[in-house]
C-alpha cells in the first residue's frame, strides 16, 4: 500500500527572511522598507515579528503601495 505524500501546508505567518523573497526582495531591502514603515503591518509574537501571508500577497497584487494607500484600499474592500 502506498502512502500518499502529505500536502504541503502554506504558512499563515512569515518571518522577514521568508516575507522578503515572497515579495521578490532581498532581506536587506525588506529590513530597510520595514525601518521606514513601508511594509504591510506585522504581528509581534514573543520576540518574533511576523507578516500575514494573505496581506503580503494582497500588497504585492496592488503594486506595493505606500502603507497609507494600502490601508485605505483594504478598508475600501472591507466595506464592499
Protein backbone atom coordinates (compact mmCIF):
# COMPACT_ATOMS: atom_id res chain seq x y z
CA UNK A 1 0.00 0.00 0.00
CA UNK A 2 1.43 3.39 -1.00
CA UNK A 3 1.16 6.22 1.48
CA UNK A 4 0.38 9.44 -0.34
CA UNK A 5 2.73 12.35 0.29
CA UNK A 6 1.28 14.85 2.73
CA UNK A 7 0.02 18.04 1.16
CA UNK A 8 2.34 20.98 1.68
CA UNK A 9 0.99 23.44 4.20
CA UNK A 10 1.43 27.09 3.34
CA UNK A 11 2.34 29.09 6.45
CA UNK A 12 -0.05 31.80 7.51
CA UNK A 13 2.69 33.90 9.09
CA UNK A 14 6.18 34.58 7.76
CA UNK A 15 9.39 35.95 9.24
CA UNK A 16 11.24 38.71 7.36
CA UNK A 17 13.60 36.11 5.85
CA UNK A 18 10.57 34.41 4.28
CA UNK A 19 8.48 37.50 3.52
CA UNK A 20 11.21 39.27 1.53
CA UNK A 21 11.67 36.57 -1.15
CA UNK A 22 7.90 36.05 -1.36
CA UNK A 23 7.70 39.71 -2.40
CA UNK A 24 10.74 39.42 -4.68
CA UNK A 25 13.02 41.45 -2.40
CA UNK A 26 16.36 40.93 -0.75
CA UNK A 27 16.17 40.57 3.02
CA UNK A 28 18.30 43.71 3.44
CA UNK A 29 15.82 45.66 1.29
CA UNK A 30 12.95 44.26 3.33
CA UNK A 31 14.57 45.45 6.57
CA UNK A 32 15.14 48.91 5.05
CA UNK A 33 11.49 49.10 3.99
CA UNK A 34 10.42 47.84 7.40
CA UNK A 35 12.52 50.51 9.14
CA UNK A 36 10.87 53.22 7.05
CA UNK A 37 7.38 51.84 7.72
CA UNK A 38 6.80 50.69 4.15
CA UNK A 39 5.97 47.02 4.69
CA UNK A 40 2.48 45.76 5.47
CA UNK A 41 1.53 45.62 9.13
CA UNK A 42 3.27 42.91 11.11
CA UNK A 43 2.39 40.93 14.20
CA UNK A 44 4.70 40.58 17.18
CA UNK A 45 4.58 37.16 18.87
CA UNK A 46 7.12 36.88 21.64
CA UNK A 47 10.38 38.12 20.12
CA UNK A 48 9.32 37.27 16.56
CA UNK A 49 7.97 39.82 14.09
CA UNK A 50 5.70 38.09 11.57
CA UNK A 51 3.73 39.08 8.49
CA UNK A 52 0.44 37.57 7.35
CA UNK A 53 0.87 35.78 4.03
CA UNK A 54 -2.50 36.98 2.75
CA UNK A 55 -1.61 40.64 3.43
CA UNK A 56 1.75 40.27 1.69
CA UNK A 57 0.09 38.77 -1.39
CA UNK A 58 -2.55 41.50 -1.41
CA UNK A 59 0.09 44.22 -1.03
CA UNK A 60 2.06 42.81 -3.98
CA UNK A 61 -1.09 42.43 -6.12
CA UNK A 62 -1.80 46.13 -5.51
CA UNK A 63 1.73 47.02 -6.74
CA UNK A 64 3.23 47.57 -3.28
CA UNK A 65 1.54 50.90 -2.48
CA UNK A 66 2.58 53.03 0.45
CA UNK A 67 1.18 51.69 3.66
CA UNK A 68 -1.23 54.63 3.94
CA UNK A 69 -2.67 53.84 0.49
CA UNK A 70 -2.68 50.12 1.26
CA UNK A 71 -4.73 50.64 4.42
CA UNK A 72 -7.20 52.85 2.52
CA UNK A 73 -7.52 50.23 -0.25
CA UNK A 74 -8.04 47.46 2.32
CA UNK A 75 -10.63 49.48 4.17
CA UNK A 76 -12.49 50.11 0.90
CA UNK A 77 -12.52 46.38 0.12
CA UNK A 78 -13.84 45.53 3.58
CA UNK A 79 -16.71 47.98 3.22
CA UNK A 80 -17.90 46.42 -0.05
